[in-house]
Amino acid sequence: DTEGEPEGPIGRHFTAYRDGNQVFSQDY
């Protein structure tokens, strides 16, 4: 049940696909 809440210089990128087709891609 732990949720991480970082305070600092974190690098992030999230990409999502539906049935093999990219529908989202973003940093932060």
PDB file of all heavy atoms in Angstrom:
ATOM      1  N   ASP A   1       0.819  -1.220   0.000  1.00  0.00           N
ATOM      2  CA  ASP A   1       0.000   0.000   0.000  1.00  0.00           C
ATOM      3  C   ASP A   1       0.847   1.261   0.000  1.00  0.00           C
ATOM      4  O   ASP A   1       0.317   2.363   0.135  1.00  0.00           O
ATOM      5  CB  ASP A   1      -0.927   0.028   1.215  1.00  0.00           C
ATOM      6  CG  ASP A   1      -0.163   0.220   2.514  1.00  0.00           C
ATOM      7  OD1 ASP A   1       0.841  -0.489   2.722  1.00  0.00           O
ATOM      8  OD2 ASP A   1      -0.550   1.088   3.309  1.00  0.00           O
ATOM      9  N   THR A   2       2.154   1.135  -0.175  1.00  0.00           N
ATOM     10  CA  THR A   2       3.043   2.297  -0.158  1.00  0.00           C
ATOM     11  C   THR A   2       2.943   3.068  -1.472  1.00  0.00           C
ATOM     12  O   THR A   2       2.991   2.483  -2.552  1.00  0.00           O
ATOM     13  CB  THR A   2       4.503   1.871   0.066  1.00  0.00           C
ATOM     14  OG1 THR A   2       4.616   1.250   1.343  1.00  0.00           O
ATOM     15  CG2 THR A   2       5.436   3.079   0.018  1.00  0.00           C
ATOM     16  N   GLU A   3       2.828   4.396  -1.347  1.00  0.00           N
ATOM     17  CA  GLU A   3       2.883   5.270  -2.525  1.00  0.00           C
ATOM     18  C   GLU A   3       4.094   6.177  -2.380  1.00  0.00           C
ATOM     19  O   GLU A   3       4.211   6.918  -1.413  1.00  0.00           O
ATOM     20  CB  GLU A   3       1.614   6.117  -2.638  1.00  0.00           C
ATOM     21  CG  GLU A   3       1.657   7.059  -3.832  1.00  0.00           C
ATOM     22  CD  GLU A   3       0.516   8.059  -3.843  1.00  0.00           C
ATOM     23  OE1 GLU A   3      -0.340   8.006  -2.941  1.00  0.00           O
ATOM     24  OE2 GLU A   3       0.499   8.910  -4.755  1.00  0.00           O
ATOM     25  N   GLY A   4       4.996   6.121  -3.343  1.00  0.00           N
ATOM     26  CA  GLY A   4       6.186   6.959  -3.306  1.00  0.00           C
ATOM     27  C   GLY A   4       5.884   8.380  -3.713  1.00  0.00           C
ATOM     28  O   GLY A   4       5.187   8.623  -4.700  1.00  0.00           O
ATOM     29  N   GLU A   5       6.431   9.335  -2.966  1.00  0.00           N
ATOM     30  CA  GLU A   5       6.277  10.760  -3.270  1.00  0.00           C
ATOM     31  C   GLU A   5       7.667  11.403  -3.255  1.00  0.00           C
ATOM     32  O   GLU A   5       8.121  11.899  -2.239  1.00  0.00           O
ATOM     33  CB  GLU A   5       5.381  11.446  -2.247  1.00  0.00           C
ATOM     34  CG  GLU A   5       3.925  11.027  -2.302  1.00  0.00           C
ATOM     35  CD  GLU A   5       3.063  11.806  -1.331  1.00  0.00           C
ATOM     36  OE1 GLU A   5       3.596  12.288  -0.305  1.00  0.00           O
ATOM     37  OE2 GLU A   5       1.859  11.952  -1.581  1.00  0.00           O
ATOM     38  N   PRO A   6       8.377  11.390  -4.375  1.00  0.00           N
ATOM     39  CA  PRO A   6       9.739  11.922  -4.391  1.00  0.00           C
ATOM     40  C   PRO A   6       9.768  13.434  -4.358  1.00  0.00           C
ATOM     41  O   PRO A   6       8.914  14.093  -4.954  1.00  0.00           O
ATOM     42  CB  PRO A   6      10.301  11.391  -5.710  1.00  0.00           C
ATOM     43  CG  PRO A   6       9.103  11.277  -6.591  1.00  0.00           C
ATOM     44  CD  PRO A   6       7.972  10.871  -5.686  1.00  0.00           C
ATOM     45  N   GLU A   7      10.733  13.974  -3.668  1.00  0.00           N
ATOM     46  CA  GLU A   7      11.018  15.404  -3.699  1.00  0.00           C
ATOM     47  C   GLU A   7      12.436  15.560  -4.221  1.00  0.00           C
ATOM     48  O   GLU A   7      13.391  15.363  -3.489  1.00  0.00           O
ATOM     49  CB  GLU A   7      10.901  16.014  -2.307  1.00  0.00           C
ATOM     50  CG  GLU A   7       9.502  15.978  -1.736  1.00  0.00           C
ATOM     51  CD  GLU A   7       9.452  16.645  -0.381  1.00  0.00           C
ATOM     52  OE1 GLU A   7       9.986  17.753  -0.242  1.00  0.00           O
ATOM     53  OE2 GLU A   7       8.882  16.054   0.537  1.00  0.00           O
ATOM     54  N   GLY A   8      12.549  15.874  -5.493  1.00  0.00           N
ATOM     55  CA  GLY A   8      13.875  15.996  -6.053  1.00  0.00           C
ATOM     56  C   GLY A   8      13.879  15.793  -7.551  1.00  0.00           C
ATOM     57  O   GLY A   8      12.837  15.702  -8.199  1.00  0.00           O
ATOM     58  N   PRO A   9      15.069  15.687  -8.119  1.00  0.00           N
ATOM     59  CA  PRO A   9      15.232  15.656  -9.586  1.00  0.00           C
ATOM     60  C   PRO A   9      14.957  14.278 -10.169  1.00  0.00           C
ATOM     61  O   PRO A   9      15.860  13.506 -10.446  1.00  0.00           O
ATOM     62  CB  PRO A   9      16.701  16.057  -9.769  1.00  0.00           C
ATOM     63  CG  PRO A   9      17.362  15.559  -8.517  1.00  0.00           C
ATOM     64  CD  PRO A   9      16.364  15.713  -7.408  1.00  0.00           C
ATOM     65  N   ILE A  10      13.700  13.959 -10.391  1.00  0.00           N
ATOM     66  CA  ILE A  10      13.313  12.657 -10.916  1.00  0.00           C
ATOM     67  C   ILE A  10      13.085  12.742 -12.422  1.00  0.00           C
ATOM     68  O   ILE A  10      12.487  13.689 -12.924  1.00  0.00           O
ATOM     69  CB  ILE A  10      12.039  12.151 -10.194  1.00  0.00           C
ATOM     70  CG1 ILE A  10      11.592  10.802 -10.769  1.00  0.00           C
ATOM     71  CG2 ILE A  10      10.918  13.175 -10.274  1.00  0.00           C
ATOM     72  CD1 ILE A  10      10.441  10.186  -9.995  1.00  0.00           C
ATOM     73  N   GLY A  11      13.580  11.751 -13.145  1.00  0.00           N
ATOM     74  CA  GLY A  11      13.327  11.645 -14.572  1.00  0.00           C
ATOM     75  C   GLY A  11      12.239  10.612 -14.819  1.00  0.00           C
ATOM     76  O   GLY A  11      12.276   9.514 -14.252  1.00  0.00           O
ATOM     77  N   ARG A  12      11.257  10.972 -15.652  1.00  0.00           N
ATOM     78  CA  ARG A  12      10.135  10.061 -15.895  1.00  0.00           C
ATOM     79  C   ARG A  12       9.698  10.141 -17.356  1.00  0.00           C
ATOM     80  O   ARG A  12       9.752  11.211 -17.966  1.00  0.00           O
ATOM     81  CB  ARG A  12       8.924  10.428 -15.023  1.00  0.00           C
ATOM     82  CG  ARG A  12       9.124  10.220 -13.544  1.00  0.00           C
ATOM     83  CD  ARG A  12       7.856  10.585 -12.778  1.00  0.00           C
ATOM     84  NE  ARG A  12       7.620  12.019 -12.730  1.00  0.00           N
ATOM     85  CZ  ARG A  12       6.503  12.574 -12.279  1.00  0.00           C
ATOM     86  NH1 ARG A  12       5.508  11.812 -11.883  1.00  0.00           N
ATOM     87  NH2 ARG A  12       6.365  13.881 -12.240  1.00  0.00           N
ATOM     88  N   HIS A  13       9.259   9.015 -17.881  1.00  0.00           N
ATOM     89  CA  HIS A  13       8.617   9.007 -19.197  1.00  0.00           C
ATOM     90  C   HIS A  13       7.608   7.875 -19.221  1.00  0.00           C
ATOM     91  O   HIS A  13       7.899   6.742 -18.824  1.00  0.00           O
ATOM     92  CB  HIS A  13       9.618   8.824 -20.336  1.00  0.00           C
ATOM     93  CG  HIS A  13       8.981   9.023 -21.683  1.00  0.00           C
ATOM     94  ND1 HIS A  13       8.912  10.247 -22.297  1.00  0.00           N
ATOM     95  CD2 HIS A  13       8.340   8.143 -22.517  1.00  0.00           C
ATOM     96  CE1 HIS A  13       8.278  10.132 -23.443  1.00  0.00           C
ATOM     97  NE2 HIS A  13       7.918   8.868 -23.609  1.00  0.00           N
ATOM     98  N   PHE A  14       6.404   8.195 -19.715  1.00  0.00           N
ATOM     99  CA  PHE A  14       5.305   7.226 -19.749  1.00  0.00           C
ATOM    100  C   PHE A  14       4.780   7.135 -21.174  1.00  0.00           C
ATOM    101  O   PHE A  14       4.491   8.152 -21.811  1.00  0.00           O
ATOM    102  CB  PHE A  14       4.189   7.680 -18.807  1.00  0.00           C
ATOM    103  CG  PHE A  14       3.124   6.642 -18.569  1.00  0.00           C
ATOM    104  CD1 PHE A  14       3.223   5.758 -17.510  1.00  0.00           C
ATOM    105  CD2 PHE A  14       2.011   6.567 -19.393  1.00  0.00           C
ATOM    106  CE1 PHE A  14       2.233   4.807 -17.278  1.00  0.00           C
ATOM    107  CE2 PHE A  14       1.017   5.625 -19.178  1.00  0.00           C
ATOM    108  CZ  PHE A  14       1.127   4.740 -18.107  1.00  0.00           C
ATOM    109  N   THR A  15       4.664   5.912 -21.684  1.00  0.00           N
ATOM    110  CA  THR A  15       4.145   5.663 -23.019  1.00  0.00           C
ATOM    111  C   THR A  15       3.022   4.640 -22.921  1.00  0.00           C
ATOM    112  O   THR A  15       3.137   3.653 -22.182  1.00  0.00           O
ATOM    113  CB  THR A  15       5.244   5.130 -23.952  1.00  0.00           C
ATOM    114  OG1 THR A  15       6.351   6.033 -23.951  1.00  0.00           O
ATOM    115  CG2 THR A  15       4.725   4.988 -25.377  1.00  0.00           C
ATOM    116  N   ALA A  16       1.927   4.879 -23.653  1.00  0.00           N
ATOM    117  CA  ALA A  16       0.790   3.962 -23.634  1.00  0.00           C
ATOM    118  C   ALA A  16       0.415   3.563 -25.055  1.00  0.00           C
ATOM    119  O   ALA A  16       0.545   4.350 -26.004  1.00  0.00           O
ATOM    120  CB  ALA A  16      -0.408   4.615 -22.939  1.00  0.00           C
ATOM    121  N   TYR A  17      -0.084   2.319 -25.192  1.00  0.00           N
ATOM    122  CA  TYR A  17      -0.488   1.768 -26.482  1.00  0.00           C
ATOM    123  C   TYR A  17      -1.868   1.125 -26.351  1.00  0.00           C
ATOM    124  O   TYR A  17      -2.211   0.571 -25.305  1.00  0.00           O
ATOM    125  CB  TYR A  17       0.500   0.688 -26.950  1.00  0.00           C
ATOM    126  CG  TYR A  17       1.934   1.139 -27.037  1.00  0.00           C
ATOM    127  CD1 TYR A  17       2.751   1.143 -25.899  1.00  0.00           C
ATOM    128  CD2 TYR A  17       2.493   1.541 -28.247  1.00  0.00           C
ATOM    129  CE1 TYR A  17       4.073   1.548 -25.976  1.00  0.00           C
ATOM    130  CE2 TYR A  17       3.824   1.938 -28.331  1.00  0.00           C
ATOM    131  CZ  TYR A  17       4.606   1.946 -27.185  1.00  0.00           C
ATOM    132  OH  TYR A  17       5.924   2.343 -27.253  1.00  0.00           O
ATOM    133  N   ARG A  18      -2.635   1.202 -27.410  1.00  0.00           N
ATOM    134  CA  ARG A  18      -3.896   0.460 -27.496  1.00  0.00           C
ATOM    135  C   ARG A  18      -3.803  -0.443 -28.716  1.00  0.00           C
ATOM    136  O   ARG A  18      -3.648   0.042 -29.850  1.00  0.00           O
ATOM    137  CB  ARG A  18      -5.087   1.414 -27.617  1.00  0.00           C
ATOM    138  CG  ARG A  18      -6.429   0.763 -28.022  1.00  0.00           C
ATOM    139  CD  ARG A  18      -7.031  -0.111 -26.927  1.00  0.00           C
ATOM    140  NE  ARG A  18      -8.178  -0.863 -27.401  1.00  0.00           N
ATOM    141  CZ  ARG A  18      -9.446  -0.659 -27.030  1.00  0.00           C
ATOM    142  NH1 ARG A  18      -9.726   0.310 -26.176  1.00  0.00           N
ATOM    143  NH2 ARG A  18     -10.413  -1.416 -27.490  1.00  0.00           N
ATOM    144  N   ASP A  19      -3.872  -1.748 -28.476  1.00  0.00           N
ATOM    145  CA  ASP A  19      -3.808  -2.744 -29.550  1.00  0.00           C
ATOM    146  C   ASP A  19      -2.605  -2.506 -30.463  1.00  0.00           C
ATOM    147  O   ASP A  19      -2.690  -2.579 -31.691  1.00  0.00           O
ATOM    148  CB  ASP A  19      -5.099  -2.723 -30.369  1.00  0.00           C
ATOM    149  CG  ASP A  19      -6.319  -3.079 -29.529  1.00  0.00           C
ATOM    150  OD1 ASP A  19      -6.164  -3.861 -28.579  1.00  0.00           O
ATOM    151  OD2 ASP A  19      -7.415  -2.555 -29.822  1.00  0.00           O
ATOM    152  N   GLY A  20      -1.459  -2.187 -29.851  1.00  0.00           N
ATOM    153  CA  GLY A  20      -0.218  -2.012 -30.589  1.00  0.00           C
ATOM    154  C   GLY A  20       0.021  -0.631 -31.134  1.00  0.00           C
ATOM    155  O   GLY A  20       1.119  -0.351 -31.642  1.00  0.00           O
ATOM    156  N   ASN A  21      -0.958   0.264 -31.053  1.00  0.00           N
ATOM    157  CA  ASN A  21      -0.809   1.628 -31.563  1.00  0.00           C
ATOM    158  C   ASN A  21      -0.518   2.595 -30.419  1.00  0.00           C
ATOM    159  O   ASN A  21      -1.249   2.622 -29.418  1.00  0.00           O
ATOM    160  CB  ASN A  21      -2.087   2.070 -32.290  1.00  0.00           C
ATOM    161  CG  ASN A  21      -2.398   1.197 -33.486  1.00  0.00           C
ATOM    162  OD1 ASN A  21      -1.531   0.947 -34.329  1.00  0.00           O
ATOM    163  ND2 ASN A  21      -3.634   0.705 -33.559  1.00  0.00           N
ATOM    164  N   GLN A  22       0.526   3.389 -30.578  1.00  0.00           N
ATOM    165  CA  GLN A  22       0.869   4.346 -29.533  1.00  0.00           C
ATOM    166  C   GLN A  22      -0.207   5.433 -29.441  1.00  0.00           C
ATOM    167  O   GLN A  22      -0.579   6.050 -30.439  1.00  0.00           O
ATOM    168  CB  GLN A  22       2.220   4.999 -29.818  1.00  0.00           C
ATOM    169  CG  GLN A  22       2.652   6.000 -28.746  1.00  0.00           C
ATOM    170  CD  GLN A  22       4.015   6.586 -29.028  1.00  0.00           C
ATOM    171  OE1 GLN A  22       4.994   5.859 -29.138  1.00  0.00           O
ATOM    172  NE2 GLN A  22       4.058   7.908 -29.147  1.00  0.00           N
ATOM    173  N   VAL A  23      -0.704   5.670 -28.222  1.00  0.00           N
ATOM    174  CA  VAL A  23      -1.739   6.680 -28.015  1.00  0.00           C
ATOM    175  C   VAL A  23      -1.295   7.771 -27.050  1.00  0.00           C
ATOM    176  O   VAL A  23      -2.005   8.764 -26.871  1.00  0.00           O
ATOM    177  CB  VAL A  23      -3.043   6.033 -27.502  1.00  0.00           C
ATOM    178  CG1 VAL A  23      -3.654   5.146 -28.568  1.00  0.00           C
ATOM    179  CG2 VAL A  23      -2.807   5.248 -26.215  1.00  0.00           C
ATOM    180  N   PHE A  24      -0.127   7.609 -26.438  1.00  0.00           N
ATOM    181  CA  PHE A  24       0.347   8.630 -25.497  1.00  0.00           C
ATOM    182  C   PHE A  24       1.834   8.436 -25.260  1.00  0.00           C
ATOM    183  O   PHE A  24       2.328   7.314 -25.147  1.00  0.00           O
ATOM    184  CB  PHE A  24      -0.408   8.516 -24.166  1.00  0.00           C
ATOM    185  CG  PHE A  24       0.023   9.502 -23.111  1.00  0.00           C
ATOM    186  CD1 PHE A  24      -0.490  10.788 -23.092  1.00  0.00           C
ATOM    187  CD2 PHE A  24       0.946   9.146 -22.141  1.00  0.00           C
ATOM    188  CE1 PHE A  24      -0.105  11.702 -22.127  1.00  0.00           C
ATOM    189  CE2 PHE A  24       1.347  10.048 -21.169  1.00  0.00           C
ATOM    190  CZ  PHE A  24       0.819  11.333 -21.166  1.00  0.00           C
ATOM    191  N   SER A  25       2.558   9.567 -25.162  1.00  0.00           N
ATOM    192  CA  SER A  25       3.976   9.515 -24.809  1.00  0.00           C
ATOM    193  C   SER A  25       4.363  10.868 -24.232  1.00  0.00           C
ATOM    194  O   SER A  25       4.191  11.895 -24.890  1.00  0.00           O
ATOM    195  CB  SER A  25       4.842   9.194 -26.036  1.00  0.00           C
ATOM    196  OG  SER A  25       6.209   9.116 -25.675  1.00  0.00           O
ATOM    197  N   GLN A  26       4.873  10.871 -22.993  1.00  0.00           N
ATOM    198  CA  GLN A  26       5.192  12.153 -22.358  1.00  0.00           C
ATOM    199  C   GLN A  26       6.225  11.977 -21.252  1.00  0.00           C
ATOM    200  O   GLN A  26       6.242  10.976 -20.538  1.00  0.00           O
ATOM    201  CB  GLN A  26       3.925  12.788 -21.772  1.00  0.00           C
ATOM    202  CG  GLN A  26       4.211  14.142 -21.127  1.00  0.00           C
ATOM    203  CD  GLN A  26       2.950  14.826 -20.657  1.00  0.00           C
ATOM    204  OE1 GLN A  26       2.000  14.941 -21.410  1.00  0.00           O
ATOM    205  NE2 GLN A  26       2.952  15.270 -19.425  1.00  0.00           N
ATOM    206  N   ASP A  27       7.054  13.006 -21.115  1.00  0.00           N
ATOM    207  CA  ASP A  27       7.972  13.088 -19.980  1.00  0.00           C
ATOM    208  C   ASP A  27       7.231  13.620 -18.758  1.00  0.00           C
ATOM    209  O   ASP A  27       6.133  14.162 -18.855  1.00  0.00           O
ATOM    210  CB  ASP A  27       9.128  14.044 -20.304  1.00  0.00           C
ATOM    211  CG  ASP A  27      10.018  13.545 -21.422  1.00  0.00           C
ATOM    212  OD1 ASP A  27      10.125  12.317 -21.591  1.00  0.00           O
ATOM    213  OD2 ASP A  27      10.607  14.392 -22.132  1.00  0.00           O
ATOM    214  N   TYR A  28       7.901  13.499 -17.598  1.00  0.00           N
ATOM    215  CA  TYR A  28       7.447  14.125 -16.344  1.00  0.00           C
ATOM    216  C   TYR A  28       6.088  13.634 -15.862  1.00  0.00           C
ATOM    217  O   TYR A  28       5.354  14.361 -15.218  1.00  0.00           O
ATOM    218  CB  TYR A  28       7.406  15.656 -16.469  1.00  0.00           C
ATOM    219  CG  TYR A  28       8.682  16.264 -16.971  1.00  0.00           C
ATOM    220  CD1 TYR A  28       8.710  16.956 -18.178  1.00  0.00           C
ATOM    221  CD2 TYR A  28       9.867  16.135 -16.253  1.00  0.00           C
ATOM    222  CE1 TYR A  28       9.883  17.511 -18.656  1.00  0.00           C
ATOM    223  CE2 TYR A  28      11.045  16.683 -16.718  1.00  0.00           C
ATOM    224  CZ  TYR A  28      11.051  17.373 -17.916  1.00  0.00           C
ATOM    225  OH  TYR A  28      12.213  17.921 -18.390  1.00  0.00           O
TER     226      TYR A  28
END
